[in-house]
Protein backbone atom coordinates (compact mmCIF):
# COMPACT_ATOMS: atom_id res chain seq x y z
CA MET A 1 -8.89 85.63 257.58
CA GLN A 2 -8.53 82.32 255.75
CA GLU A 3 -5.27 81.88 253.83
CA ILE A 4 -4.72 79.79 250.74
CA ALA A 5 -1.52 79.03 248.83
CA ILE A 6 -1.43 80.49 245.35
CA SER A 7 -0.96 77.03 243.81
CA LYS A 8 -4.15 75.79 245.48
CA PHE A 9 -5.95 79.01 244.52
CA LYS A 10 -4.99 78.49 240.87
CA ALA A 11 -6.42 74.95 240.97
CA THR A 12 -9.67 75.94 242.73
CA CYS A 13 -10.09 79.57 241.67
CA LEU A 14 -13.78 79.54 240.72
CA SER A 15 -14.75 77.60 243.83
CA VAL A 16 -12.83 80.00 246.10
CA ILE A 17 -14.41 83.04 244.43
CA GLN A 18 -17.89 81.56 244.81
CA ASP A 19 -17.24 80.82 248.50
CA VAL A 20 -16.08 84.39 249.14
CA ARG A 21 -19.14 85.77 247.40
CA ARG A 22 -21.50 83.39 249.22
CA THR A 23 -20.04 83.73 252.73
CA GLY A 24 -18.79 87.31 252.55
CA LYS A 25 -15.52 86.25 254.22
CA PRO A 26 -12.28 87.40 252.54
CA VAL A 27 -9.44 85.03 251.62
CA ARG A 28 -5.73 85.90 251.63
CA ILE A 29 -3.71 84.37 248.78
CA THR A 30 -0.11 83.61 249.74
CA ARG A 31 3.08 82.56 247.98
CA PHE A 32 5.73 80.87 250.09
CA GLY A 33 3.82 82.12 253.14
CA HIS A 34 3.91 85.77 252.07
CA PRO A 35 0.65 87.61 251.29
CA MET A 36 0.17 88.27 247.57
CA ALA A 37 -3.46 89.41 247.42
CA ASP A 38 -6.70 89.57 249.39
CA LEU A 39 -9.86 88.34 247.71
CA VAL A 40 -12.77 90.27 249.18
CA PRO A 41 -16.48 90.17 248.35
CA PRO A 42 -17.96 93.06 246.39
CA GLY A 43 -19.54 95.82 248.44
CA LYS A 44 -23.27 96.28 248.50
CA GLY A 45 -24.40 98.10 245.37
CA SER A 46 -20.91 97.84 243.94
CA ALA A 47 -21.06 99.29 240.44
CA MET A 48 -17.37 99.20 239.72
CA GLY A 49 -16.77 98.53 236.06
CA ARG A 50 -20.40 98.78 235.02
CA VAL A 51 -21.29 101.00 232.09
CA GLY A 52 -23.12 104.07 233.33
CA SER A 53 -22.14 103.48 236.95
CA LEU A 54 -21.13 107.13 237.36
CA GLN A 55 -24.23 108.50 235.65
CA GLY A 56 -25.53 111.50 237.54
CA SER A 57 -22.38 111.91 239.62
CA VAL A 58 -20.89 114.76 237.55
CA LYS A 59 -22.45 118.10 236.72
CA ALA A 60 -21.03 120.22 233.90
CA LEU A 61 -20.92 123.91 234.76
CA GLY A 62 -20.31 126.29 231.89
CA ASP A 63 -18.72 125.65 228.51
CA ILE A 64 -17.00 122.25 228.27
CA VAL A 65 -16.17 122.48 224.55
CA THR A 66 -14.11 125.64 224.16
CA PRO A 67 -10.40 125.24 225.02
CA VAL A 68 -9.23 126.81 228.27
CA VAL A 69 -6.17 128.34 226.60
CA GLU A 70 -5.81 129.72 223.09
CA ASP A 71 -4.12 127.52 220.48
CA ASP A 72 -1.03 129.33 219.13
CA GLY A 73 -0.51 126.66 216.45
CA VAL A 74 2.87 125.61 217.84
CA GLU A 75 3.39 121.92 218.62
CA PRO A 76 4.62 121.26 222.15
CA GLY A 77 8.28 120.27 222.30
CA TYR A 78 8.35 117.11 224.38
C-alpha cells in the first residue's frame, strides 16, 4: 500500500483522491510515520450516504404507530 505524509496529502488532497478512485489502489496517510487513515476506493454499487439507498431493505410488520408500552403520563427521571 502506498503511504503519504499527512502534510503532502493536505497539499495534494484532490489529486490523491482522484488517483485512488482511478486506480482502485488504497493510500495510507501517515503522521510522523504512524498510520492515521487509509483512503480506499468506494465499493462497487456503493450507495453510502445517498438518499433512498436503503429503500426496500426494511419491511414493516404490524402496527408501527402505536406505542409499545402505555404512557402513564409521568416524565422519566433522568
